PDB file of N, CA and C in Angstrom:
ATOM      1  N   MET A   1       0.843  -1.171   0.000  1.00  0.00           N
ATOM      2  CA  MET A   1       0.000   0.000   0.000  1.00  0.00           C
ATOM      3  C   MET A   1       0.895   1.243   0.000  1.00  0.00           C
ATOM      4  N   THR A   2       0.533   2.220  -0.813  1.00  0.00           N
ATOM      5  CA  THR A   2       1.292   3.452  -0.922  1.00  0.00           C
ATOM      6  C   THR A   2       0.961   4.390   0.233  1.00  0.00           C
ATOM      7  N   LYS A   3       2.003   4.982   0.801  1.00  0.00           N
ATOM      8  CA  LYS A   3       1.820   5.939   1.889  1.00  0.00           C
ATOM      9  C   LYS A   3       1.224   7.221   1.320  1.00  0.00           C
ATOM     10  N   ALA A   4       0.190   7.740   1.965  1.00  0.00           N
ATOM     11  CA  ALA A   4      -0.480   8.962   1.521  1.00  0.00           C
ATOM     12  C   ALA A   4       0.456  10.160   1.650  1.00  0.00           C
ATOM     13  N   VAL A   5       0.338  11.080   0.716  1.00  0.00           N
ATOM     14  CA  VAL A   5       1.088  12.330   0.752  1.00  0.00           C
ATOM     15  C   VAL A   5       0.240  13.365   1.476  1.00  0.00           C
ATOM     16  N   THR A   6       0.840  14.033   2.447  1.00  0.00           N
ATOM     17  CA  THR A   6       0.102  15.032   3.219  1.00  0.00           C
ATOM     18  C   THR A   6       0.459  16.439   2.753  1.00  0.00           C
ATOM     19  N   GLU A   7      -0.406  17.379   3.040  1.00  0.00           N
ATOM     20  CA  GLU A   7      -0.141  18.782   2.728  1.00  0.00           C
ATOM     21  C   GLU A   7       1.110  19.247   3.471  1.00  0.00           C
ATOM     22  N   GLN A   8       1.280  18.816   4.708  1.00  0.00           N
ATOM     23  CA  GLN A   8       2.459  19.195   5.501  1.00  0.00           C
ATOM     24  C   GLN A   8       3.739  18.728   4.812  1.00  0.00           C
ATOM     25  N   GLU A   9       3.736  17.526   4.293  1.00  0.00           N
ATOM     26  CA  GLU A   9       4.911  17.003   3.588  1.00  0.00           C
ATOM     27  C   GLU A   9       5.216  17.843   2.349  1.00  0.00           C
ATOM     28  N   LEU A  10       4.172  18.226   1.630  1.00  0.00           N
ATOM     29  CA  LEU A  10       4.366  19.059   0.442  1.00  0.00           C
ATOM     30  C   LEU A  10       4.939  20.418   0.812  1.00  0.00           C
ATOM     31  N   VAL A  11       4.432  21.003   1.887  1.00  0.00           N
ATOM     32  CA  VAL A  11       4.920  22.305   2.350  1.00  0.00           C
ATOM     33  C   VAL A  11       6.405  22.203   2.720  1.00  0.00           C
ATOM     34  N   GLU A  12       6.755  21.166   3.448  1.00  0.00           N
ATOM     35  CA  GLU A  12       8.135  21.001   3.905  1.00  0.00           C
ATOM     36  C   GLU A  12       9.111  20.780   2.759  1.00  0.00           C
ATOM     37  N   LYS A  13       8.681  20.142   1.697  1.00  0.00           N
ATOM     38  CA  LYS A  13       9.581  19.787   0.605  1.00  0.00           C
ATOM     39  C   LYS A  13       9.545  20.768  -0.564  1.00  0.00           C
ATOM     40  N   ALA A  14       8.617  21.708  -0.560  1.00  0.00           N
ATOM     41  CA  ALA A  14       8.489  22.651  -1.673  1.00  0.00           C
ATOM     42  C   ALA A  14       9.681  23.608  -1.702  1.00  0.00           C
ATOM     43  N   VAL A  15      10.239  23.792  -2.889  1.00  0.00           N
ATOM     44  CA  VAL A  15      11.342  24.729  -3.072  1.00  0.00           C
ATOM     45  C   VAL A  15      10.978  25.819  -4.086  1.00  0.00           C
ATOM     46  N   ALA A  16       9.783  25.760  -4.607  1.00  0.00           N
ATOM     47  CA  ALA A  16       9.323  26.734  -5.601  1.00  0.00           C
ATOM     48  C   ALA A  16       7.839  27.013  -5.339  1.00  0.00           C
ATOM     49  N   PRO A  17       7.310  28.067  -5.944  1.00  0.00           N
ATOM     50  CA  PRO A  17       5.878  28.341  -5.775  1.00  0.00           C
ATOM     51  C   PRO A  17       5.040  27.134  -6.182  1.00  0.00           C
ATOM     52  N   ARG A  18       3.925  26.952  -5.503  1.00  0.00           N
ATOM     53  CA  ARG A  18       3.038  25.829  -5.801  1.00  0.00           C
ATOM     54  C   ARG A  18       1.606  26.215  -5.486  1.00  0.00           C
ATOM     55  N   VAL A  19       0.691  25.488  -6.054  1.00  0.00           N
ATOM     56  CA  VAL A  19      -0.719  25.637  -5.720  1.00  0.00           C
ATOM     57  C   VAL A  19      -0.923  24.897  -4.401  1.00  0.00           C
ATOM     58  N   THR A  20      -1.626  25.529  -3.476  1.00  0.00           N
ATOM     59  CA  THR A  20      -1.814  24.906  -2.165  1.00  0.00           C
ATOM     60  C   THR A  20      -3.275  24.503  -1.965  1.00  0.00           C
ATOM     61  N   LYS A  21      -3.448  23.634  -1.014  1.00  0.00           N
ATOM     62  CA  LYS A  21      -4.799  23.224  -0.637  1.00  0.00           C
ATOM     63  C   LYS A  21      -5.611  24.439  -0.190  1.00  0.00           C
ATOM     64  N   ALA A  22      -4.973  25.365   0.504  1.00  0.00           N
ATOM     65  CA  ALA A  22      -5.661  26.577   0.951  1.00  0.00           C
ATOM     66  C   ALA A  22      -6.131  27.409  -0.240  1.00  0.00           C
ATOM     67  N   ASN A  23      -5.303  27.485  -1.303  1.00  0.00           N
ATOM     68  CA  ASN A  23      -5.714  28.196  -2.520  1.00  0.00           C
ATOM     69  C   ASN A  23      -6.999  27.593  -3.077  1.00  0.00           C
ATOM     70  N   ILE A  24      -7.025  26.277  -3.175  1.00  0.00           N
ATOM     71  CA  ILE A  24      -8.170  25.589  -3.766  1.00  0.00           C
ATOM     72  C   ILE A  24      -9.388  25.709  -2.862  1.00  0.00           C
ATOM     73  N   GLU A  25      -9.196  25.584  -1.552  1.00  0.00           N
ATOM     74  CA  GLU A  25     -10.322  25.726  -0.626  1.00  0.00           C
ATOM     75  C   GLU A  25     -10.942  27.116  -0.721  1.00  0.00           C
ATOM     76  N   ALA A  26     -10.103  28.143  -0.874  1.00  0.00           N
ATOM     77  CA  ALA A  26     -10.619  29.511  -1.014  1.00  0.00           C
ATOM     78  C   ALA A  26     -11.438  29.645  -2.296  1.00  0.00           C
ATOM     79  N   LEU A  27     -10.957  29.063  -3.376  1.00  0.00           N
ATOM     80  CA  LEU A  27     -11.707  29.103  -4.632  1.00  0.00           C
ATOM     81  C   LEU A  27     -13.007  28.316  -4.526  1.00  0.00           C
ATOM     82  N   MET A  28     -12.974  27.189  -3.837  1.00  0.00           N
ATOM     83  CA  MET A  28     -14.186  26.370  -3.690  1.00  0.00           C
ATOM     84  C   MET A  28     -15.281  27.128  -2.950  1.00  0.00           C
ATOM     85  N   GLN A  29     -14.907  28.071  -2.096  1.00  0.00           N
ATOM     86  CA  GLN A  29     -15.901  28.888  -1.401  1.00  0.00           C
ATOM     87  C   GLN A  29     -16.652  29.793  -2.371  1.00  0.00           C
ATOM     88  N   ARG A  30     -16.082  30.031  -3.531  1.00  0.00           N
ATOM     89  CA  ARG A  30     -16.688  30.899  -4.536  1.00  0.00           C
ATOM     90  C   ARG A  30     -17.500  30.120  -5.573  1.00  0.00           C
ATOM     91  N   VAL A  31     -17.557  28.799  -5.439  1.00  0.00           N
ATOM     92  CA  VAL A  31     -18.290  27.965  -6.395  1.00  0.00           C
ATOM     93  C   VAL A  31     -19.773  27.945  -6.030  1.00  0.00           C
ATOM     94  N   THR A  32     -20.600  28.144  -7.035  1.00  0.00           N
ATOM     95  CA  THR A  32     -22.050  28.030  -6.862  1.00  0.00           C
ATOM     96  C   THR A  32     -22.546  26.872  -7.711  1.00  0.00           C
ATOM     97  N   TYR A  33     -23.718  26.379  -7.366  1.00  0.00           N
ATOM     98  CA  TYR A  33     -24.249  25.185  -8.021  1.00  0.00           C
ATOM     99  C   TYR A  33     -25.678  25.429  -8.504  1.00  0.00           C
ATOM    100  N   THR A  34     -25.992  24.857  -9.647  1.00  0.00           N
ATOM    101  CA  THR A  34     -27.370  24.842 -10.127  1.00  0.00           C
ATOM    102  C   THR A  34     -27.804  23.386 -10.211  1.00  0.00           C
ATOM    103  N   ILE A  35     -29.063  23.148  -9.937  1.00  0.00           N
ATOM    104  CA  ILE A  35     -29.616  21.786  -9.927  1.00  0.00           C
ATOM    105  C   ILE A  35     -30.625  21.659 -11.044  1.00  0.00           C
ATOM    106  N   GLU A  36     -30.531  20.550 -11.754  1.00  0.00           N
ATOM    107  CA  GLU A  36     -31.446  20.295 -12.867  1.00  0.00           C
ATOM    108  C   GLU A  36     -31.960  18.863 -12.762  1.00  0.00           C
ATOM    109  N   GLN A  37     -33.248  18.742 -12.515  1.00  0.00           N
ATOM    110  CA  GLN A  37     -33.868  17.410 -12.501  1.00  0.00           C
ATOM    111  C   GLN A  37     -34.543  17.231 -13.850  1.00  0.00           C
ATOM    112  N   GLN A  38     -34.191  16.165 -14.519  1.00  0.00           N
ATOM    113  CA  GLN A  38     -34.754  15.924 -15.842  1.00  0.00           C
ATOM    114  C   GLN A  38     -36.238  15.575 -15.722  1.00  0.00           C
ATOM    115  N   PRO A  39     -37.073  16.267 -16.463  1.00  0.00           N
ATOM    116  CA  PRO A  39     -38.520  15.986 -16.414  1.00  0.00           C
ATOM    117  C   PRO A  39     -38.874  14.750 -17.229  1.00  0.00           C
ATOM    118  N   GLY A  40     -40.122  14.425 -17.218  1.00  0.00           N
ATOM    119  CA  GLY A  40     -40.630  13.333 -18.047  1.00  0.00           C
ATOM    120  C   GLY A  40     -40.432  11.953 -17.470  1.00  0.00           C
ATOM    121  N   GLY A  41     -40.370  11.876 -16.163  1.00  0.00           N
ATOM    122  CA  GLY A  41     -40.285  10.560 -15.532  1.00  0.00           C
ATOM    123  C   GLY A  41     -38.886   9.961 -15.488  1.00  0.00           C
ATOM    124  N   THR A  42     -37.862  10.740 -15.845  1.00  0.00           N
ATOM    125  CA  THR A  42     -36.508  10.190 -15.745  1.00  0.00           C
ATOM    126  C   THR A  42     -36.054  10.229 -14.292  1.00  0.00           C
ATOM    127  N   THR A  43     -34.967   9.578 -14.021  1.00  0.00           N
ATOM    128  CA  THR A  43     -34.413   9.565 -12.663  1.00  0.00           C
ATOM    129  C   THR A  43     -33.061  10.257 -12.634  1.00  0.00           C
ATOM    130  N   SER A  44     -32.802  11.101 -13.600  1.00  0.00           N
ATOM    131  CA  SER A  44     -31.503  11.778 -13.713  1.00  0.00           C
ATOM    132  C   SER A  44     -31.526  13.151 -13.047  1.00  0.00           C
ATOM    133  N   THR A  45     -30.473  13.428 -12.305  1.00  0.00           N
ATOM    134  CA  THR A  45     -30.281  14.722 -11.669  1.00  0.00           C
ATOM    135  C   THR A  45     -28.890  15.212 -12.051  1.00  0.00           C
ATOM    136  N   PHE A  46     -28.810  16.478 -12.444  1.00  0.00           N
ATOM    137  CA  PHE A  46     -27.538  17.092 -12.808  1.00  0.00           C
ATOM    138  C   PHE A  46     -27.293  18.296 -11.921  1.00  0.00           C
ATOM    139  N   VAL A  47     -26.070  18.454 -11.474  1.00  0.00           N
ATOM    140  CA  VAL A  47     -25.668  19.637 -10.721  1.00  0.00           C
ATOM    141  C   VAL A  47     -24.464  20.228 -11.444  1.00  0.00           C
ATOM    142  N   HIS A  48     -24.579  21.513 -11.794  1.00  0.00           N
ATOM    143  CA  HIS A  48     -23.522  22.206 -12.515  1.00  0.00           C
ATOM    144  C   HIS A  48     -22.812  23.155 -11.553  1.00  0.00           C
ATOM    145  N   ALA A  49     -21.474  23.146 -11.600  1.00  0.00           N
ATOM    146  CA  ALA A  49     -20.654  23.979 -10.718  1.00  0.00           C
ATOM    147  C   ALA A  49     -20.060  25.136 -11.515  1.00  0.00           C
ATOM    148  N   PHE A  50     -20.179  26.353 -10.958  1.00  0.00           N
ATOM    149  CA  PHE A  50     -19.673  27.561 -11.604  1.00  0.00           C
ATOM    150  C   PHE A  50     -18.818  28.353 -10.618  1.00  0.00           C
ATOM    151  N   LEU A  51     -17.674  28.818 -11.073  1.00  0.00           N
ATOM    152  CA  LEU A  51     -16.851  29.701 -10.262  1.00  0.00           C
ATOM    153  C   LEU A  51     -17.418  31.107 -10.397  1.00  0.00           C
ATOM    154  N   ASP A  52     -17.687  31.737  -9.273  1.00  0.00           N
ATOM    155  CA  ASP A  52     -18.283  33.078  -9.229  1.00  0.00           C
ATOM    156  C   ASP A  52     -19.609  33.156  -9.986  1.00  0.00           C
ATOM    157  N   GLY A  53     -20.290  32.042 -10.116  1.00  0.00           N
ATOM    158  CA  GLY A  53     -21.591  32.012 -10.763  1.00  0.00           C
ATOM    159  C   GLY A  53     -21.543  32.193 -12.265  1.00  0.00           C
ATOM    160  N   LYS A  54     -20.343  32.251 -12.862  1.00  0.00           N
ATOM    161  CA  LYS A  54     -20.236  32.558 -14.282  1.00  0.00           C
ATOM    162  C   LYS A  54     -19.348  31.596 -15.068  1.00  0.00           C
ATOM    163  N   PHE A  55     -18.266  31.134 -14.471  1.00  0.00           N
ATOM    164  CA  PHE A  55     -17.306  30.297 -15.196  1.00  0.00           C
ATOM    165  C   PHE A  55     -17.597  28.834 -14.890  1.00  0.00           C
ATOM    166  N   PHE A  56     -18.043  28.091 -15.909  1.00  0.00           N
ATOM    167  CA  PHE A  56     -18.411  26.692 -15.731  1.00  0.00           C
ATOM    168  C   PHE A  56     -17.175  25.860 -15.398  1.00  0.00           C
ATOM    169  N   LEU A  57     -17.300  25.034 -14.371  1.00  0.00           N
ATOM    170  CA  LEU A  57     -16.216  24.146 -13.966  1.00  0.00           C
ATOM    171  C   LEU A  57     -16.520  22.678 -14.247  1.00  0.00           C
ATOM    172  N   ALA A  58     -17.715  22.222 -13.855  1.00  0.00           N
ATOM    173  CA  ALA A  58     -17.975  20.778 -13.909  1.00  0.00           C
ATOM    174  C   ALA A  58     -19.461  20.486 -13.746  1.00  0.00           C
ATOM    175  N   THR A  59     -19.810  19.268 -14.112  1.00  0.00           N
ATOM    176  CA  THR A  59     -21.159  18.755 -13.889  1.00  0.00           C
ATOM    177  C   THR A  59     -21.060  17.448 -13.126  1.00  0.00           C
ATOM    178  N   GLY A  60     -21.914  17.293 -12.148  1.00  0.00           N
ATOM    179  CA  GLY A  60     -22.063  16.027 -11.448  1.00  0.00           C
ATOM    180  C   GLY A  60     -23.446  15.495 -11.755  1.00  0.00           C
ATOM    181  N   PHE A  61     -23.604  14.203 -11.715  1.00  0.00           N
ATOM    182  CA  PHE A  61     -24.922  13.649 -12.017  1.00  0.00           C
ATOM    183  C   PHE A  61     -25.191  12.423 -11.171  1.00  0.00           C
ATOM    184  N   SER A  62     -26.456  12.103 -11.100  1.00  0.00           N
ATOM    185  CA  SER A  62     -26.877  10.864 -10.458  1.00  0.00           C
ATOM    186  C   SER A  62     -28.122  10.369 -11.177  1.00  0.00           C
ATOM    187  N   ALA A  63     -28.360   9.093 -11.074  1.00  0.00           N
ATOM    188  CA  ALA A  63     -29.555   8.475 -11.653  1.00  0.00           C
ATOM    189  C   ALA A  63     -29.758   7.126 -10.983  1.00  0.00           C
ATOM    190  N   CYS A  64     -30.987   6.701 -10.942  1.00  0.00           N
ATOM    191  CA  CYS A  64     -31.232   5.350 -10.443  1.00  0.00           C
ATOM    192  C   CYS A  64     -31.913   4.557 -11.555  1.00  0.00           C
ATOM    193  N   VAL A  65     -31.752   3.279 -11.516  1.00  0.00           N
ATOM    194  CA  VAL A  65     -32.258   2.412 -12.577  1.00  0.00           C
ATOM    195  C   VAL A  65     -33.773   2.329 -12.543  1.00  0.00           C
ATOM    196  N   ASN A  66     -34.328   2.222 -11.367  1.00  0.00           N
ATOM    197  CA  ASN A  66     -35.763   2.023 -11.223  1.00  0.00           C
ATOM    198  C   ASN A  66     -36.407   3.307 -10.708  1.00  0.00           C
ATOM    199  N   ALA A  67     -37.355   3.850 -11.456  1.00  0.00           N
ATOM    200  CA  ALA A  67     -38.026   5.094 -11.079  1.00  0.00           C
ATOM    201  C   ALA A  67     -38.705   4.997  -9.712  1.00  0.00           C
ATOM    202  N   GLU A  68     -39.081   3.804  -9.302  1.00  0.00           N
ATOM    203  CA  GLU A  68     -39.716   3.635  -7.995  1.00  0.00           C
ATOM    204  C   GLU A  68     -38.750   3.938  -6.854  1.00  0.00           C
ATOM    205  N   ASN A  69     -37.451   3.857  -7.119  1.00  0.00           N
ATOM    206  CA  ASN A  69     -36.442   4.144  -6.096  1.00  0.00           C
ATOM    207  C   ASN A  69     -35.985   5.607  -6.110  1.00  0.00           C
ATOM    208  N   PHE A  70     -36.478   6.387  -7.055  1.00  0.00           N
ATOM    209  CA  PHE A  70     -36.005   7.764  -7.197  1.00  0.00           C
ATOM    210  C   PHE A  70     -36.417   8.619  -6.007  1.00  0.00           C
ATOM    211  N   ASN A  71     -35.453   9.357  -5.477  1.00  0.00           N
ATOM    212  CA  ASN A  71     -35.685  10.307  -4.401  1.00  0.00           C
ATOM    213  C   ASN A  71     -34.931  11.577  -4.786  1.00  0.00           C
ATOM    214  N   ALA A  72     -35.653  12.667  -4.998  1.00  0.00           N
ATOM    215  CA  ALA A  72     -35.044  13.908  -5.489  1.00  0.00           C
ATOM    216  C   ALA A  72     -33.944  14.412  -4.558  1.00  0.00           C
ATOM    217  N   ASP A  73     -34.162  14.375  -3.249  1.00  0.00           N
ATOM    218  CA  ASP A  73     -33.166  14.871  -2.301  1.00  0.00           C
ATOM    219  C   ASP A  73     -31.881  14.050  -2.386  1.00  0.00           C
ATOM    220  N   ILE A  74     -32.007  12.747  -2.395  1.00  0.00           N
ATOM    221  CA  ILE A  74     -30.828  11.880  -2.487  1.00  0.00           C
ATOM    222  C   ILE A  74     -30.132  12.093  -3.828  1.00  0.00           C
ATOM    223  N   GLY A  75     -30.906  12.203  -4.892  1.00  0.00           N
ATOM    224  CA  GLY A  75     -30.326  12.442  -6.213  1.00  0.00           C
ATOM    225  C   GLY A  75     -29.534  13.738  -6.250  1.00  0.00           C
ATOM    226  N   GLU A  76     -30.068  14.794  -5.657  1.00  0.00           N
ATOM    227  CA  GLU A  76     -29.380  16.081  -5.622  1.00  0.00           C
ATOM    228  C   GLU A  76     -28.099  15.999  -4.800  1.00  0.00           C
ATOM    229  N   ARG A  77     -28.158  15.335  -3.657  1.00  0.00           N
ATOM    230  CA  ARG A  77     -26.967  15.220  -2.809  1.00  0.00           C
ATOM    231  C   ARG A  77     -25.865  14.421  -3.501  1.00  0.00           C
ATOM    232  N   LEU A  78     -26.238  13.334  -4.158  1.00  0.00           N
ATOM    233  CA  LEU A  78     -25.239  12.540  -4.882  1.00  0.00           C
ATOM    234  C   LEU A  78     -24.633  13.324  -6.040  1.00  0.00           C
ATOM    235  N   ALA A  79     -25.486  13.999  -6.807  1.00  0.00           N
ATOM    236  CA  ALA A  79     -25.011  14.766  -7.953  1.00  0.00           C
ATOM    237  C   ALA A  79     -24.130  15.931  -7.498  1.00  0.00           C
ATOM    238  N   ARG A  80     -24.502  16.589  -6.409  1.00  0.00           N
ATOM    239  CA  ARG A  80     -23.695  17.716  -5.912  1.00  0.00           C
ATOM    240  C   ARG A  80     -22.339  17.234  -5.424  1.00  0.00           C
ATOM    241  N   SER A  81     -22.308  16.132  -4.709  1.00  0.00           N
ATOM    242  CA  SER A  81     -21.039  15.580  -4.246  1.00  0.00           C
ATOM    243  C   SER A  81     -20.134  15.281  -5.432  1.00  0.00           C
ATOM    244  N   ASN A  82     -20.713  14.706  -6.475  1.00  0.00           N
ATOM    245  CA  ASN A  82     -19.985  14.406  -7.704  1.00  0.00           C
ATOM    246  C   ASN A  82     -19.472  15.701  -8.340  1.00  0.00           C
ATOM    247  N   ALA A  83     -20.314  16.724  -8.415  1.00  0.00           N
ATOM    248  CA  ALA A  83     -19.926  18.011  -9.005  1.00  0.00           C
ATOM    249  C   ALA A  83     -18.819  18.676  -8.195  1.00  0.00           C
ATOM    250  N   GLU A  84     -18.908  18.599  -6.871  1.00  0.00           N
ATOM    251  CA  GLU A  84     -17.882  19.208  -6.022  1.00  0.00           C
ATOM    252  C   GLU A  84     -16.519  18.574  -6.266  1.00  0.00           C
ATOM    253  N   LYS A  85     -16.479  17.251  -6.360  1.00  0.00           N
ATOM    254  CA  LYS A  85     -15.210  16.556  -6.621  1.00  0.00           C
ATOM    255  C   LYS A  85     -14.639  16.976  -7.969  1.00  0.00           C
ATOM    256  N   HIS A  86     -15.487  16.994  -8.993  1.00  0.00           N
ATOM    257  CA  HIS A  86     -15.026  17.373 -10.331  1.00  0.00           C
ATOM    258  C   HIS A  86     -14.582  18.842 -10.364  1.00  0.00           C
ATOM    259  N   ALA A  87     -15.307  19.722  -9.689  1.00  0.00           N
ATOM    260  CA  ALA A  87     -14.951  21.144  -9.661  1.00  0.00           C
ATOM    261  C   ALA A  87     -13.609  21.337  -8.960  1.00  0.00           C
ATOM    262  N   GLU A  88     -13.414  20.663  -7.854  1.00  0.00           N
ATOM    263  CA  GLU A  88     -12.142  20.780  -7.136  1.00  0.00           C
ATOM    264  C   GLU A  88     -10.984  20.296  -7.997  1.00  0.00           C
ATOM    265  N   ASN A  89     -11.165  19.166  -8.660  1.00  0.00           N
ATOM    266  CA  ASN A  89     -10.119  18.653  -9.550  1.00  0.00           C
ATOM    267  C   ASN A  89      -9.833  19.635 -10.685  1.00  0.00           C
ATOM    268  N   LYS A  90     -10.869  20.234 -11.241  1.00  0.00           N
ATOM    269  CA  LYS A  90     -10.693  21.201 -12.324  1.00  0.00           C
ATOM    270  C   LYS A  90      -9.938  22.427 -11.820  1.00  0.00           C
ATOM    271  N   LEU A  91     -10.236  22.883 -10.600  1.00  0.00           N
ATOM    272  CA  LEU A  91      -9.525  24.029 -10.045  1.00  0.00           C
ATOM    273  C   LEU A  91      -8.041  23.730  -9.839  1.00  0.00           C
ATOM    274  N   TRP A  92      -7.714  22.530  -9.373  1.00  0.00           N
ATOM    275  CA  TRP A  92      -6.306  22.139  -9.251  1.00  0.00           C
ATOM    276  C   TRP A  92      -5.629  22.216 -10.617  1.00  0.00           C
ATOM    277  N   GLU A  93      -6.305  21.698 -11.622  1.00  0.00           N
ATOM    278  CA  GLU A  93      -5.755  21.697 -12.976  1.00  0.00           C
ATOM    279  C   GLU A  93      -5.569  23.126 -13.497  1.00  0.00           C
ATOM    280  N   LEU A  94      -6.589  23.951 -13.365  1.00  0.00           N
ATOM    281  CA  LEU A  94      -6.523  25.320 -13.875  1.00  0.00           C
ATOM    282  C   LEU A  94      -5.500  26.162 -13.115  1.00  0.00           C
ATOM    283  N   GLU A  95      -5.470  26.040 -11.814  1.00  0.00           N
ATOM    284  CA  GLU A  95      -4.505  26.807 -11.026  1.00  0.00           C
ATOM    285  C   GLU A  95      -3.074  26.323 -11.286  1.00  0.00           C
ATOM    286  N   GLY A  96      -2.911  25.037 -11.497  1.00  0.00           N
ATOM    287  CA  GLY A  96      -1.597  24.505 -11.857  1.00  0.00           C
ATOM    288  C   GLY A  96      -1.131  25.075 -13.187  1.00  0.00           C
ATOM    289  N   TYR A  97      -2.026  25.124 -14.155  1.00  0.00           N
ATOM    290  CA  TYR A  97      -1.669  25.695 -15.447  1.00  0.00           C
ATOM    291  C   TYR A  97      -1.371  27.188 -15.313  1.00  0.00           C
ATOM    292  N   ARG A  98      -2.158  27.899 -14.532  1.00  0.00           N
ATOM    293  CA  ARG A  98      -1.928  29.335 -14.331  1.00  0.00           C
ATOM    294  C   ARG A  98      -0.529  29.576 -13.755  1.00  0.00           C
ATOM    295  N   LEU A  99      -0.139  28.787 -12.771  1.00  0.00           N
ATOM    296  CA  LEU A  99       1.183  28.913 -12.167  1.00  0.00           C
ATOM    297  C   LEU A  99       2.275  28.573 -13.184  1.00  0.00           C
ATOM    298  N   PHE A 100       2.063  27.505 -13.952  1.00  0.00           N
ATOM    299  CA  PHE A 100       3.014  27.107 -14.987  1.00  0.00           C
ATOM    300  C   PHE A 100       3.186  28.212 -16.019  1.00  0.00           C
ATOM    301  N   ALA A 101       2.077  28.762 -16.512  1.00  0.00           N
ATOM    302  CA  ALA A 101       2.120  29.799 -17.538  1.00  0.00           C
ATOM    303  C   ALA A 101       2.792  31.059 -17.005  1.00  0.00           C
ATOM    304  N   SER A 102       2.518  31.403 -15.768  1.00  0.00           N
ATOM    305  CA  SER A 102       3.126  32.572 -15.147  1.00  0.00           C
ATOM    306  C   SER A 102       4.642  32.393 -15.052  1.00  0.00           C
ATOM    307  N   ALA A 103       5.091  31.229 -14.640  1.00  0.00           N
ATOM    308  CA  ALA A 103       6.525  30.954 -14.524  1.00  0.00           C
ATOM    309  C   ALA A 103       7.185  30.953 -15.904  1.00  0.00           C
ATOM    310  N   ALA A 104       6.507  30.405 -16.909  1.00  0.00           N
ATOM    311  CA  ALA A 104       7.051  30.377 -18.259  1.00  0.00           C
ATOM    312  C   ALA A 104       7.180  31.789 -18.818  1.00  0.00           C
ATOM    313  N   LEU A 105       6.208  32.629 -18.554  1.00  0.00           N
ATOM    314  CA  LEU A 105       6.239  34.017 -19.024  1.00  0.00           C
ATOM    315  C   LEU A 105       7.373  34.773 -18.321  1.00  0.00           C
ATOM    316  N   GLU A 106       7.506  34.556 -17.028  1.00  0.00           N
ATOM    317  CA  GLU A 106       8.579  35.201 -16.269  1.00  0.00           C
ATOM    318  C   GLU A 106       9.941  34.774 -16.813  1.00  0.00           C
ATOM    319  N   GLN A 107      10.090  33.495 -17.097  1.00  0.00           N
ATOM    320  CA  GLN A 107      11.337  32.959 -17.642  1.00  0.00           C
ATOM    321  C   GLN A 107      11.621  33.550 -19.025  1.00  0.00           C
ATOM    322  N   ALA A 108      10.597  33.664 -19.858  1.00  0.00           N
ATOM    323  CA  ALA A 108      10.761  34.220 -21.203  1.00  0.00           C
ATOM    324  C   ALA A 108      11.172  35.689 -21.135  1.00  0.00           C
ATOM    325  N   ASN A 109      10.620  36.415 -20.171  1.00  0.00           N
ATOM    326  CA  ASN A 109      10.957  37.831 -20.013  1.00  0.00           C
ATOM    327  C   ASN A 109      12.389  38.041 -19.523  1.00  0.00           C
ATOM    328  N   LYS A 110      12.944  37.044 -18.832  1.00  0.00           N
ATOM    329  CA  LYS A 110      14.331  37.121 -18.346  1.00  0.00           C
ATOM    330  C   LYS A 110      15.329  36.907 -19.476  1.00  0.00           C
ATOM    331  N   GLY A 111      14.943  36.048 -20.423  1.00  0.00           N
ATOM    332  CA  GLY A 111      15.891  35.646 -21.459  1.00  0.00           C
ATOM    333  C   GLY A 111      15.685  36.377 -22.698  1.00  0.00           C
TER     334      GLY A 111
END
């Protein structure tokens, strides 16, 4: 089994600027969600995540096989949890690219 990497370990070993968990948590506080339940007897629920209510990050979804088991509250909670995970992953990716691009631009300006 692989030993988990902790934020503390990353902080201790970092020698250059990096995206931190605190950066991502702060951005996640700015994420808003919209809920869409598909009409017409379907059991699909979609939750869309937006940064600052405008920049689309991710969609989470849930569905059940049998309409008799459908519960809107449970569907929304599952879909939102899915959307939150995807939004957080997207923010790590975008912030990582932003840091990379910034460093590349700084390097290009030096040379």
